Amino acid sequence: MTIKTTWGPTPTRRALLLSTVALAATTAIPQGVWAETEPTRGGTVSINIGTEPPVLVLIAHSAGAAYYVSGKATESLLTYDRNFAPQPLLATEWTVSEDGLRYWFKLRQGVKWHDGQDFTAEDVAFSILALKENHPRGRATFASVQKANVLGSHEVELLLSKPAPYLLSAFASFEAPIVPKHLYEGTKIAENPHNVAPVGTGPYKFVEWVRGSHALFERNENYWGAPKPYLDQIIFRFIIDPAAAVAAIETGEVQISTANLPLTDIERLKANPNLVVDTAPAPYSPSIARAEFNLENKYLADIKVRHAIAHAIDKDFIVNTVYLGYATRLDGPVSPDLVKFYTPDLPKYDFSPEKAEKLLDEAGYKRGADGFRFKLFIDPTQPSGPPKQTAEYFAQALSKVGIKVELRSQDFATFVKRIFTDRDFDIAIEGMSNLYDPTVGIQRLYWSKNFKPGVPFTNGSRYSNPDVDRLLEAAAVEIDEKKRLQLFKEFQTLVVQDLPTLDIVTPSVITVYDKRIKNLKIGVEDLWSNGAEISFES
C-alpha cells in the first residue's frame, strides 16, 4: 500500500487532506486485509432473504430485501472494513479538500461491465447524478453535489455547494451502485429493465429471476479482482413461511438464512453442530424498534402524557419476553451498534406505573367510571412477530395506567399508507434504520422540514423543535468531527426530553449459516457487501 498526498492532476488542485488512501490501481485488495481463512474455489450457495424485492439493483430504490442482492452485481466506489475505514473498490485513490467541498477519485483501470464494455469515469459521474435524482435517500445524500466532472478516463471529481461530512461513508455498493451509462442514459432510471436484470462490474453476473422462487447469479469469470469470487453461483431464495425457513436451513436446502427465523427456534439451531448462529451487529445500517407518537393527537401532544407512557413501559421486559434476549435496550434514537455516534448517558425513563399515573393525573386526564382516561389506537408495522407482540404488550401496560388501547393489524403496505399518507394513527410500533450516519438515517425522522405526508419513513410524528432543527442542520455540514459529535449528543438529549418517539430496543441481527461457509461477514456492510470473499468448503 502506498499513501499519496497529491490532490489531483495539477499543482493548483492541491489542498490539505481530510482523507487520502491509495492502492495500486491494477491490483486487487490483498487477501490478508479481509479474509478469515484461505478460500476454497467452487460451489453454489443459497441464501434465504425472505421477502422478494421489487428490484435487484438499488439505483432508484431502497427496498431492504434488495440490499443482499444489489452489490453482488453492481459495485460502488468504496467498501468499509470492520473499523468503518474506507477501502478501495472501483476507486483506488481519493481525497477530500480541507473545506469539504471537493471529492476526487482515481478509478480502477481494466474493469469491464458484464456485457464487455469498459468501465470509465463517465459511468461514475452519470451514476452519482442519477442517484441524486432518483434514489429515495440519494436525493438527500447527494443533495450538495452540484457537479460530477470527468477529469480523465479514470478520474472524477465531485464539487459540492456545502460540506457533506458523511459523504465518504456513502459509497457502499448497495447504497450507491455505479451503473453502466451506456445502458441507462436516456431512459427513465426507475423503469430501466436492467434494474431487474443487472449489468454491473461485480463478482457475480445475473442469470435469471424466477418470480416467487429465486434469483440466480453466476461467477464473473472476467472480474477485476481475480482470483475472486470463489463461489460458482449464488442463489437468493424468497422463503416467507417461518416454518419453511427453519426447515430449509436445517435440511441444507439453503446454506445461509437471514429472514423469517422465529426467535423461539434460535436456541435449537444453536445446538445444531452443522450450523453457525451469528448475532454480530451490521454497523453500516443498524436497525432500531420504536414507538412513534402522532403529535397531532390531542392527548399525545401533551408531553406529560408521552412521559407517562414512557414510565408505563418496561423495556427490559420487551427485551427478555418479546425478543427472548436477542435485543439491547435502547434509550435514545441512536443504536449502540452505530458506535461512533452513540451516547450512552442520556436521560432514562425508569419503569414506574406509579409515576405514569401521577403524570396522567397532573395532565388532567383522570380515570372515568370505567377506569380509563382516554383511548388510543396502536398499529404495528407487521401483523406478526416482535412488532405485533410489542404492540400487544403496550396495550396491556397502558391499560394498567388507565389508557385504553385498541390494536389494529395490517400488512406492511397498509401500515405505510396509514402512518405516512392518511396519518390515521396514534402510536405506531415500527422499525427504522439508523444507516451509517445520523444525517442520512436519523435526521429525516426528527427534522421539522422533513414532515412530508405521503413519503414513508420521514417525520411521521410531525415533531418540530427549532433547537433540534438547528443542531441537525449544523451537524449536517460540520467538518470538525469533535464538534459534529457534540452537536449530535445535544440533539439526542433534546429528543429524549421531548419524546416524540419512544425508542425501545436494538434487535440483534441474526444470521444462521452452514459452518462450511467462510468469510461471510468481513466488514461493516455485513451480507450487503459484494460477496467476493465468500467461499464454501464442500
Protein backbone atom coordinates (compact mmCIF):
# COMPACT_ATOMS: atom_id res chain seq x y z
CA MET A 1 0.00 0.00 0.00
CA THR A 2 1.23 3.48 -0.86
CA ILE A 3 -0.07 6.69 0.60
CA LYS A 4 -0.38 9.57 -1.84
CA THR A 5 -0.97 13.19 -0.95
CA THR A 6 -1.44 14.61 -4.44
CA TRP A 7 -4.78 16.32 -4.79
CA GLY A 8 -5.32 15.93 -8.49
CA PRO A 9 -3.67 16.26 -11.85
CA THR A 10 -2.30 19.79 -11.41
CA PRO A 11 -0.48 21.67 -8.61
CA THR A 12 -3.30 24.20 -8.41
CA ARG A 13 -5.61 21.49 -7.19
CA ARG A 14 -3.52 20.53 -4.20
CA ALA A 15 -5.06 21.06 -0.77
CA LEU A 16 -4.77 19.81 2.75
CA LEU A 17 -6.41 16.43 3.00
CA LEU A 18 -9.01 15.11 5.37
CA SER A 19 -8.73 11.64 3.89
CA THR A 20 -6.31 10.06 1.46
CA VAL A 21 -5.99 6.36 0.82
CA ALA A 22 -4.33 4.72 -2.14
CA LEU A 23 -3.68 1.31 -3.61
CA ALA A 24 -2.10 0.37 -6.92
CA ALA A 25 -4.86 0.75 -9.48
CA THR A 26 -4.34 -2.58 -11.18
CA THR A 27 -4.17 -4.84 -8.14
CA ALA A 28 -6.91 -6.39 -6.06
CA ILE A 29 -7.20 -5.82 -2.32
CA PRO A 30 -4.60 -8.04 -0.61
CA GLN A 31 -6.20 -11.20 0.74
CA GLY A 32 -4.96 -10.53 4.26
CA VAL A 33 -6.96 -7.32 4.52
CA TRP A 34 -10.23 -9.21 4.57
CA ALA A 35 -10.26 -12.96 4.61
CA GLU A 36 -10.58 -15.03 7.76
CA THR A 37 -9.24 -18.18 6.10
CA GLU A 38 -7.69 -19.42 2.85
CA PRO A 39 -10.63 -19.74 0.44
CA THR A 40 -11.86 -22.81 -1.41
CA ARG A 41 -12.88 -22.39 -5.05
CA GLY A 42 -16.25 -23.52 -6.39
CA GLY A 43 -19.67 -24.39 -5.07
CA THR A 44 -23.18 -22.97 -5.02
CA VAL A 45 -24.61 -21.14 -2.02
CA SER A 46 -28.31 -20.46 -1.48
CA ILE A 47 -29.34 -17.54 0.73
CA ASN A 48 -32.86 -17.08 2.07
CA ILE A 49 -33.57 -13.34 2.16
CA GLY A 50 -37.28 -13.81 2.89
CA THR A 51 -39.24 -11.04 1.21
CA GLU A 52 -38.91 -10.90 -2.57
CA PRO A 53 -37.57 -7.47 -3.56
CA PRO A 54 -39.19 -5.35 -6.28
CA VAL A 55 -35.81 -4.79 -7.99
CA LEU A 56 -32.31 -6.29 -7.95
CA VAL A 57 -30.37 -3.03 -8.38
CA LEU A 58 -30.79 -0.14 -5.95
CA ILE A 59 -30.10 2.80 -8.27
CA ALA A 60 -33.66 4.13 -7.79
CA HIS A 61 -34.99 2.12 -4.86
CA SER A 62 -34.22 1.40 -1.20
CA ALA A 63 -36.01 -1.94 -0.73
CA GLY A 64 -34.40 -3.72 2.22
CA ALA A 65 -34.52 -7.21 0.72
CA ALA A 66 -32.55 -6.00 -2.29
CA TYR A 67 -29.66 -4.94 -0.03
CA TYR A 68 -28.43 -8.53 -0.10
CA VAL A 69 -28.55 -8.74 -3.91
CA SER A 70 -27.63 -5.40 -5.47
CA GLY A 71 -23.95 -5.18 -4.55
CA LYS A 72 -23.15 -8.67 -5.78
CA ALA A 73 -23.58 -7.40 -9.35
CA THR A 74 -23.31 -3.60 -9.23
CA GLU A 75 -20.43 -2.26 -7.15
CA SER A 76 -19.69 1.21 -5.85
CA LEU A 77 -16.53 3.23 -5.33
CA LEU A 78 -15.63 2.01 -1.84
CA THR A 79 -16.12 -0.68 0.74
CA TYR A 80 -15.52 -0.46 4.51
CA ASP A 81 -13.57 -2.57 6.97
CA ARG A 82 -14.67 -3.51 10.49
CA ASN A 83 -13.45 -0.15 11.79
CA PHE A 84 -15.53 1.69 9.17
CA ALA A 85 -12.37 2.79 7.36
CA PRO A 86 -12.96 3.13 3.60
CA GLN A 87 -11.21 0.60 1.38
CA PRO A 88 -10.73 0.58 -2.41
CA LEU A 89 -13.31 -0.97 -4.68
CA LEU A 90 -13.96 0.77 -8.01
CA ALA A 91 -11.94 3.73 -6.70
CA THR A 92 -8.28 3.20 -5.82
CA GLU A 93 -7.42 6.69 -4.53
CA TRP A 94 -9.48 9.51 -3.10
CA THR A 95 -9.04 12.89 -1.48
CA VAL A 96 -11.31 15.37 0.25
CA SER A 97 -10.47 19.07 0.31
CA GLU A 98 -9.93 20.86 3.60
CA ASP A 99 -13.17 22.82 3.16
CA GLY A 100 -15.10 19.61 2.34
CA LEU A 101 -16.31 20.96 -1.00
CA ARG A 102 -14.33 18.77 -3.40
CA TYR A 103 -14.01 14.98 -3.57
CA TRP A 104 -11.54 13.49 -6.04
CA PHE A 105 -11.43 9.83 -7.06
CA LYS A 106 -8.98 7.87 -9.16
CA LEU A 107 -10.74 4.85 -10.61
CA ARG A 108 -9.61 1.29 -11.16
CA GLN A 109 -8.44 0.60 -14.70
CA GLY A 110 -9.03 -2.55 -16.73
CA VAL A 111 -12.53 -3.09 -15.32
CA LYS A 112 -15.23 -4.44 -17.65
CA TRP A 113 -19.00 -4.33 -17.40
CA HIS A 114 -20.69 -7.71 -17.57
CA ASP A 115 -21.55 -7.01 -21.22
CA GLY A 116 -17.87 -6.49 -22.08
CA GLN A 117 -17.87 -2.69 -22.28
CA ASP A 118 -15.14 -0.69 -20.49
CA PHE A 119 -15.87 0.91 -17.11
CA THR A 120 -14.87 4.60 -17.09
CA ALA A 121 -15.30 7.84 -15.20
CA GLU A 122 -18.31 8.61 -17.40
CA ASP A 123 -20.18 5.79 -15.66
CA VAL A 124 -19.34 7.16 -12.23
CA ALA A 125 -20.34 10.76 -12.96
CA PHE A 126 -23.59 9.59 -14.56
CA SER A 127 -24.45 7.28 -11.65
CA ILE A 128 -23.83 9.85 -8.91
CA LEU A 129 -26.18 12.31 -10.57
CA ALA A 130 -28.70 9.53 -11.24
CA LEU A 131 -28.65 8.59 -7.54
CA LYS A 132 -29.17 12.24 -6.62
CA GLU A 133 -32.18 12.46 -8.89
CA ASN A 134 -33.80 9.05 -8.42
CA HIS A 135 -32.75 7.27 -5.23
CA PRO A 136 -35.07 7.79 -2.20
CA ARG A 137 -32.10 8.52 0.08
CA GLY A 138 -29.78 9.69 -2.67
CA ARG A 139 -31.80 12.85 -3.07
CA ALA A 140 -30.64 13.85 0.41
CA THR A 141 -27.24 12.11 0.47
CA PHE A 142 -26.05 13.78 -2.73
CA ALA A 143 -28.10 16.98 -2.41
CA SER A 144 -24.96 19.08 -2.01
CA VAL A 145 -23.28 17.60 -5.09
CA GLN A 146 -23.53 20.33 -7.73
CA LYS A 147 -21.26 18.80 -10.35
CA ALA A 148 -19.75 15.42 -11.15
CA ASN A 149 -16.87 16.24 -13.51
CA VAL A 150 -14.97 13.74 -15.63
CA LEU A 151 -11.29 14.75 -15.47
CA GLY A 152 -9.97 11.79 -17.46
CA SER A 153 -10.95 8.30 -18.47
CA HIS A 154 -10.49 7.09 -14.89
CA GLU A 155 -10.63 10.24 -12.83
CA VAL A 156 -13.67 12.09 -11.47
CA GLU A 157 -14.37 14.96 -9.09
CA LEU A 158 -17.48 15.89 -7.15
CA LEU A 159 -18.00 19.58 -6.42
CA LEU A 160 -20.30 20.42 -3.50
CA SER A 161 -22.27 23.54 -2.66
CA LYS A 162 -21.74 22.90 1.06
CA PRO A 163 -19.85 20.30 3.10
CA ALA A 164 -21.31 16.81 3.48
CA PRO A 165 -19.06 15.21 6.13
CA TYR A 166 -20.87 11.85 5.82
CA LEU A 167 -20.29 11.54 2.07
CA LEU A 168 -17.14 9.41 2.16
CA SER A 169 -19.17 6.80 4.06
CA ALA A 170 -21.95 6.76 1.43
CA PHE A 171 -20.29 4.65 -1.25
CA ALA A 172 -21.19 1.11 -0.17
CA SER A 173 -22.26 -0.98 -3.16
CA PHE A 174 -25.87 -1.48 -2.04
CA GLU A 175 -26.22 2.17 -1.06
CA ALA A 176 -24.68 3.89 -4.09
CA PRO A 177 -24.40 1.46 -7.03
CA ILE A 178 -22.47 2.52 -10.12
CA VAL A 179 -24.42 1.53 -13.21
CA PRO A 180 -23.39 1.47 -16.91
CA LYS A 181 -24.09 4.80 -18.56
CA HIS A 182 -24.46 3.17 -21.98
CA LEU A 183 -27.43 1.12 -20.72
CA TYR A 184 -29.13 3.79 -18.56
CA GLU A 185 -28.59 7.10 -20.32
CA GLY A 186 -31.72 8.45 -21.96
CA THR A 187 -34.04 6.12 -20.05
CA LYS A 188 -36.35 6.53 -17.08
CA ILE A 189 -33.95 5.31 -14.42
CA ALA A 190 -36.62 3.83 -12.15
CA GLU A 191 -38.13 1.86 -15.06
CA ASN A 192 -34.92 0.68 -16.73
CA PRO A 193 -35.13 -3.08 -17.46
CA HIS A 194 -31.64 -3.61 -16.06
CA ASN A 195 -32.98 -2.85 -12.58
CA VAL A 196 -34.40 -6.39 -12.68
CA ALA A 197 -31.65 -7.90 -14.87
CA PRO A 198 -28.43 -6.27 -13.59
CA VAL A 199 -25.36 -5.50 -15.68
CA GLY A 200 -22.55 -4.45 -13.36
CA THR A 201 -18.84 -4.72 -12.66
CA GLY A 202 -19.31 -7.00 -9.66
CA PRO A 203 -18.13 -10.53 -8.94
CA TYR A 204 -21.45 -12.15 -9.87
CA LYS A 205 -23.40 -11.97 -13.14
CA PHE A 206 -27.18 -12.11 -13.35
CA VAL A 207 -28.63 -15.30 -14.85
CA GLU A 208 -32.35 -15.43 -14.03
CA TRP A 209 -35.10 -14.24 -11.73
CA VAL A 210 -37.92 -16.72 -11.23
CA ARG A 211 -40.63 -14.69 -9.54
CA GLY A 212 -41.83 -16.15 -6.27
CA SER A 213 -38.90 -18.53 -6.12
CA HIS A 214 -35.33 -17.26 -6.56
CA ALA A 215 -32.78 -15.08 -8.34
CA LEU A 216 -29.66 -16.79 -9.71
CA PHE A 217 -26.22 -15.23 -10.18
CA GLU A 218 -23.07 -16.92 -11.50
CA ARG A 219 -19.37 -16.25 -11.16
CA ASN A 220 -17.99 -13.38 -13.25
CA GLU A 221 -15.01 -15.02 -14.96
CA ASN A 222 -13.67 -11.61 -16.01
CA TYR A 223 -13.88 -10.00 -12.56
CA TRP A 224 -11.21 -7.36 -11.96
CA GLY A 225 -10.46 -8.84 -8.53
CA ALA A 226 -9.37 -12.28 -9.77
CA PRO A 227 -8.97 -14.91 -8.38
CA LYS A 228 -12.15 -13.74 -6.67
CA PRO A 229 -15.00 -14.54 -6.47
CA TYR A 230 -14.65 -18.02 -5.07
CA LEU A 231 -18.22 -19.31 -5.46
CA ASP A 232 -19.58 -20.58 -8.78
CA GLN A 233 -23.12 -19.43 -8.04
CA ILE A 234 -25.26 -17.56 -5.52
CA ILE A 235 -29.00 -18.24 -5.37
CA PHE A 236 -31.23 -15.80 -3.49
CA ARG A 237 -34.35 -17.56 -2.19
CA PHE A 238 -37.63 -15.93 -1.11
CA ILE A 239 -38.96 -18.18 1.67
CA ILE A 240 -41.61 -16.31 3.61
CA ASP A 241 -43.16 -19.00 5.79
CA PRO A 242 -41.24 -19.19 9.12
CA ALA A 243 -41.57 -22.98 9.45
CA ALA A 244 -40.32 -23.45 5.89
CA ALA A 245 -37.44 -21.02 6.50
CA VAL A 246 -36.27 -23.04 9.52
CA ALA A 247 -36.65 -26.33 7.67
CA ALA A 248 -34.66 -25.00 4.70
CA ILE A 249 -31.60 -24.13 6.80
CA GLU A 250 -31.82 -27.31 8.89
CA THR A 251 -32.03 -29.62 5.86
CA GLY A 252 -29.39 -27.79 3.84
CA GLU A 253 -31.84 -26.56 1.21
CA VAL A 254 -30.27 -23.15 1.89
CA GLN A 255 -26.83 -22.56 3.36
CA ILE A 256 -27.50 -19.06 4.71
CA SER A 257 -30.70 -17.63 6.20
CA THR A 258 -31.23 -14.01 7.18
CA ALA A 259 -35.00 -13.81 7.43
CA ASN A 260 -38.16 -15.26 8.95
CA LEU A 261 -36.45 -17.42 11.55
CA PRO A 262 -38.66 -17.44 14.69
CA LEU A 263 -36.75 -16.45 17.81
CA THR A 264 -38.22 -19.50 19.54
CA ASP A 265 -36.17 -21.72 17.18
CA ILE A 266 -32.80 -19.99 17.62
CA GLU A 267 -31.64 -22.00 20.63
CA ARG A 268 -32.38 -25.25 18.80
CA LEU A 269 -30.48 -24.00 15.76
CA LYS A 270 -27.55 -23.11 18.03
CA ALA A 271 -27.39 -26.74 19.14
CA ASN A 272 -27.06 -27.97 15.54
CA PRO A 273 -23.36 -28.86 15.06
CA ASN A 274 -23.60 -28.14 11.33
CA LEU A 275 -24.77 -24.55 11.75
CA VAL A 276 -23.42 -21.22 12.98
CA VAL A 277 -25.79 -18.72 14.62
CA ASP A 278 -24.28 -15.28 14.17
CA THR A 279 -25.62 -12.27 16.11
CA ALA A 280 -22.88 -9.78 15.25
CA PRO A 281 -24.13 -6.23 14.50
CA ALA A 282 -24.49 -4.81 11.00
CA PRO A 283 -22.96 -1.39 11.74
CA TYR A 284 -23.44 0.13 8.27
CA SER A 285 -27.20 0.13 8.75
CA PRO A 286 -28.24 -0.81 12.30
CA SER A 287 -31.96 -1.04 12.99
CA ILE A 288 -33.98 0.07 15.99
CA ALA A 289 -37.53 -0.64 17.16
CA ARG A 290 -39.51 2.33 18.43
CA ALA A 291 -42.95 3.72 19.15
CA GLU A 292 -43.80 6.83 17.13
CA PHE A 293 -46.37 9.21 18.61
CA ASN A 294 -48.70 11.22 16.38
CA LEU A 295 -48.32 14.68 17.90
CA GLU A 296 -51.47 15.82 16.12
CA ASN A 297 -53.41 13.67 18.60
CA LYS A 298 -54.61 15.95 21.41
CA TYR A 299 -53.53 13.54 24.15
CA LEU A 300 -50.12 12.74 22.71
CA ALA A 301 -49.42 16.42 22.06
CA ASP A 302 -49.11 16.73 25.88
CA ILE A 303 -45.54 15.98 26.92
CA LYS A 304 -46.74 14.71 30.31
CA VAL A 305 -48.77 12.03 28.53
CA ARG A 306 -45.76 10.97 26.47
CA HIS A 307 -43.58 10.85 29.59
CA ALA A 308 -46.28 8.84 31.35
CA ILE A 309 -46.31 6.29 28.53
CA ALA A 310 -42.51 6.01 28.78
CA HIS A 311 -42.76 5.24 32.51
CA ALA A 312 -45.52 2.68 31.89
CA ILE A 313 -43.36 0.60 29.53
CA ASP A 314 -40.85 -1.95 30.81
CA LYS A 315 -38.24 -2.11 28.04
CA ASP A 316 -36.33 -4.86 29.81
CA PHE A 317 -39.49 -6.99 29.73
CA ILE A 318 -39.68 -6.42 25.97
CA VAL A 319 -36.04 -7.44 25.55
CA ASN A 320 -36.46 -10.64 27.54
CA THR A 321 -40.01 -11.68 26.62
CA VAL A 322 -40.68 -10.37 23.12
CA TYR A 323 -37.13 -10.69 21.78
CA LEU A 324 -36.07 -13.57 24.05
CA GLY A 325 -32.88 -11.70 24.86
CA TYR A 326 -31.95 -11.10 21.20
CA ALA A 327 -32.07 -7.32 21.55
CA THR A 328 -30.49 -4.48 23.51
CA ARG A 329 -32.50 -1.94 25.47
CA LEU A 330 -32.49 1.46 23.74
CA ASP A 331 -32.97 4.84 25.44
CA GLY A 332 -32.28 7.18 22.54
CA PRO A 333 -32.53 7.46 18.75
CA VAL A 334 -29.03 6.10 18.00
CA SER A 335 -28.32 2.39 18.13
CA PRO A 336 -25.28 1.32 20.19
CA ASP A 337 -24.21 -0.55 17.04
CA LEU A 338 -23.54 2.86 15.46
CA VAL A 339 -20.69 3.16 17.92
CA LYS A 340 -19.21 6.46 16.82
CA PHE A 341 -22.43 8.42 17.35
CA TYR A 342 -23.98 6.53 20.26
CA THR A 343 -24.48 8.46 23.51
CA PRO A 344 -24.92 6.10 26.49
CA ASP A 345 -25.54 8.69 29.22
CA LEU A 346 -28.92 10.01 28.08
CA PRO A 347 -31.85 10.59 30.46
CA LYS A 348 -33.77 7.37 31.10
CA TYR A 349 -37.43 6.78 31.95
CA ASP A 350 -37.49 4.11 34.62
CA PHE A 351 -40.33 1.63 34.62
CA SER A 352 -42.77 3.09 37.16
CA PRO A 353 -46.55 2.77 36.68
CA GLU A 354 -46.88 4.97 39.77
CA LYS A 355 -45.07 7.84 38.04
CA ALA A 356 -47.16 7.25 34.94
CA GLU A 357 -50.39 7.51 36.92
CA LYS A 358 -49.23 10.69 38.64
CA LEU A 359 -48.27 12.37 35.35
CA LEU A 360 -51.59 11.48 33.74
CA ASP A 361 -53.46 12.91 36.73
CA GLU A 362 -51.36 16.09 36.55
CA ALA A 363 -52.19 16.37 32.84
CA GLY A 364 -55.87 16.48 33.79
CA TYR A 365 -56.84 13.06 32.50
CA LYS A 366 -58.49 11.40 35.48
CA ARG A 367 -59.85 7.88 35.30
CA GLY A 368 -63.51 7.69 34.34
CA ALA A 369 -66.20 5.43 35.73
CA ASP A 370 -64.94 2.62 33.50
CA GLY A 371 -61.42 3.02 34.87
CA PHE A 372 -60.00 4.56 31.69
CA ARG A 373 -58.76 8.08 30.98
CA PHE A 374 -58.90 8.07 27.18
CA LYS A 375 -58.46 5.74 24.20
CA LEU A 376 -55.61 5.36 21.69
CA PHE A 377 -55.07 3.16 18.64
CA ILE A 378 -51.79 1.31 18.21
CA ASP A 379 -50.52 -0.02 14.87
CA PRO A 380 -47.59 -2.45 14.50
CA THR A 381 -45.57 -2.41 11.30
CA GLN A 382 -46.15 -6.15 10.81
CA PRO A 383 -49.17 -8.34 11.68
CA SER A 384 -46.95 -10.91 13.42
CA GLY A 385 -43.62 -11.36 15.19
CA PRO A 386 -41.93 -8.86 17.54
CA PRO A 387 -43.73 -5.76 16.17
CA LYS A 388 -47.15 -7.21 16.92
CA GLN A 389 -46.01 -8.71 20.24
CA THR A 390 -44.57 -5.34 21.27
CA ALA A 391 -47.87 -3.64 20.37
CA GLU A 392 -49.77 -6.22 22.43
CA TYR A 393 -47.52 -5.54 25.41
CA PHE A 394 -48.03 -1.77 25.02
CA ALA A 395 -51.80 -2.30 25.08
CA GLN A 396 -51.60 -4.32 28.28
CA ALA A 397 -49.14 -1.97 30.00
CA LEU A 398 -51.05 1.20 29.14
CA SER A 399 -54.37 -0.26 30.23
CA LYS A 400 -52.90 -0.69 33.71
CA VAL A 401 -52.39 3.07 33.99
CA GLY A 402 -55.83 3.89 32.60
CA ILE A 403 -55.19 4.29 28.87
CA LYS A 404 -57.47 2.13 26.75
CA VAL A 405 -55.70 0.84 23.65
CA GLU A 406 -57.13 -0.79 20.55
CA LEU A 407 -54.63 -2.75 18.45
CA ARG A 408 -55.03 -2.76 14.69
CA SER A 409 -53.15 -5.19 12.45
CA GLN A 410 -52.47 -4.79 8.75
CA ASP A 411 -49.90 -5.74 6.15
CA PHE A 412 -46.82 -3.59 5.66
CA ALA A 413 -48.13 -1.65 2.65
CA THR A 414 -51.33 -0.74 4.51
CA PHE A 415 -49.30 0.28 7.56
CA VAL A 416 -47.14 2.64 5.50
CA LYS A 417 -50.18 4.25 3.90
CA ARG A 418 -51.96 4.60 7.25
CA ILE A 419 -49.00 6.23 9.02
CA PHE A 420 -47.36 8.37 6.37
CA THR A 421 -50.17 9.19 3.90
CA ASP A 422 -53.51 9.02 5.69
CA ARG A 423 -51.99 9.90 9.07
CA ASP A 424 -54.70 7.81 10.68
CA PHE A 425 -52.77 6.64 13.73
CA ASP A 426 -51.96 7.42 17.35
CA ILE A 427 -48.99 5.16 18.19
CA ALA A 428 -47.04 3.22 15.56
CA ILE A 429 -44.70 0.38 16.51
CA GLU A 430 -42.09 0.37 13.80
CA GLY A 431 -38.54 -0.45 12.82
CA MET A 432 -36.19 2.18 11.46
CA SER A 433 -32.65 2.03 10.13
CA ASN A 434 -30.05 4.43 11.54
CA LEU A 435 -27.91 3.88 8.45
CA TYR A 436 -24.23 4.79 8.56
CA ASP A 437 -24.55 8.39 9.72
CA PRO A 438 -27.24 10.32 11.66
CA THR A 439 -27.53 12.97 8.95
CA VAL A 440 -28.60 10.29 6.48
CA GLY A 441 -30.52 7.86 8.67
CA ILE A 442 -31.84 9.81 11.68
CA GLN A 443 -32.27 13.48 10.72
CA ARG A 444 -35.14 12.51 8.39
CA LEU A 445 -37.17 11.32 11.40
CA TYR A 446 -36.92 14.46 13.58
CA TRP A 447 -36.25 17.42 11.28
CA SER A 448 -39.38 19.58 11.08
CA LYS A 449 -38.70 20.30 7.41
CA ASN A 450 -38.93 16.60 6.70
CA PHE A 451 -42.60 16.28 7.60
CA LYS A 452 -43.80 15.04 4.22
CA PRO A 453 -47.20 13.33 4.11
CA GLY A 454 -47.15 10.51 1.58
CA VAL A 455 -43.40 9.95 1.86
CA PRO A 456 -42.63 6.89 4.04
CA PHE A 457 -40.03 6.80 6.80
CA THR A 458 -39.89 10.55 7.33
CA ASN A 459 -41.01 12.67 10.30
CA GLY A 460 -44.26 10.80 10.89
CA SER A 461 -44.83 12.27 14.34
CA ARG A 462 -44.85 15.81 12.93
CA TYR A 463 -42.29 16.77 15.54
CA SER A 464 -40.99 20.32 15.47
CA ASN A 465 -38.35 21.87 17.72
CA PRO A 466 -36.30 24.80 16.38
CA ASP A 467 -33.35 23.86 18.59
CA VAL A 468 -33.35 20.31 17.22
CA ASP A 469 -33.55 21.66 13.67
CA ARG A 470 -30.60 23.94 14.36
CA LEU A 471 -28.46 21.13 15.78
CA LEU A 472 -29.26 18.76 12.90
CA GLU A 473 -28.62 21.38 10.25
CA ALA A 474 -25.31 22.37 11.85
CA ALA A 475 -24.16 18.75 12.18
CA ALA A 476 -25.00 18.09 8.53
CA VAL A 477 -22.26 20.48 7.37
CA GLU A 478 -19.78 20.44 10.29
CA ILE A 479 -16.43 19.04 9.10
CA ASP A 480 -14.78 19.16 12.53
CA GLU A 481 -15.52 15.66 13.81
CA LYS A 482 -15.32 16.54 17.51
CA LYS A 483 -17.75 19.45 17.12
CA ARG A 484 -20.05 17.32 14.99
CA LEU A 485 -20.24 14.56 17.59
CA GLN A 486 -21.08 17.15 20.26
CA LEU A 487 -23.92 18.51 18.10
CA PHE A 488 -25.39 15.03 17.77
CA LYS A 489 -25.08 14.45 21.51
CA GLU A 490 -27.04 17.63 22.21
CA PHE A 491 -29.62 16.57 19.62
CA GLN A 492 -30.09 13.18 21.28
CA THR A 493 -30.54 14.80 24.71
CA LEU A 494 -33.24 17.16 23.44
CA VAL A 495 -35.12 14.44 21.58
CA VAL A 496 -35.17 12.15 24.63
CA GLN A 497 -36.59 15.02 26.70
CA ASP A 498 -39.25 15.93 24.12
CA LEU A 499 -40.06 12.27 23.41
CA PRO A 500 -41.79 12.48 20.01
CA THR A 501 -40.87 8.80 19.80
CA LEU A 502 -40.11 6.20 22.44
CA ASP A 503 -37.06 4.22 21.39
CA ILE A 504 -37.39 0.65 22.63
CA VAL A 505 -34.65 -1.79 21.51
CA THR A 506 -31.95 -2.53 19.01
CA PRO A 507 -32.82 -6.02 17.74
CA SER A 508 -29.97 -8.47 17.23
CA VAL A 509 -29.03 -9.21 13.63
CA ILE A 510 -29.41 -12.97 13.38
CA THR A 511 -27.82 -14.90 10.53
CA VAL A 512 -27.77 -18.69 10.52
CA TYR A 513 -25.41 -20.42 8.11
CA ASP A 514 -23.70 -23.68 7.26
CA LYS A 515 -20.42 -23.95 9.16
CA ARG A 516 -18.63 -24.69 5.87
CA ILE A 517 -19.30 -21.11 4.74
CA LYS A 518 -16.21 -18.91 5.23
CA ASN A 519 -15.58 -15.16 5.08
CA LEU A 520 -19.29 -14.37 5.16
CA LYS A 521 -19.08 -11.09 7.08
CA ILE A 522 -15.85 -9.19 6.55
CA GLY A 523 -16.75 -5.54 7.10
CA VAL A 524 -19.49 -3.24 8.35
CA GLU A 525 -21.63 -3.90 5.26
CA ASP A 526 -22.44 -7.36 6.61
CA LEU A 527 -24.19 -9.51 3.95
CA TRP A 528 -24.80 -6.43 1.82
CA SER A 529 -21.21 -6.40 0.51
CA ASN A 530 -20.24 -7.67 -2.94
CA GLY A 531 -19.66 -11.18 -1.58
CA ALA A 532 -16.42 -11.67 -3.47
CA GLU A 533 -14.70 -13.18 -0.43
CA ILE A 534 -17.32 -15.82 0.42
CA SER A 535 -16.25 -19.43 -0.02
CA PHE A 536 -17.87 -22.82 0.64
CA GLU A 537 -15.85 -25.77 1.85
CA SER A 538 -17.86 -28.59 0.27
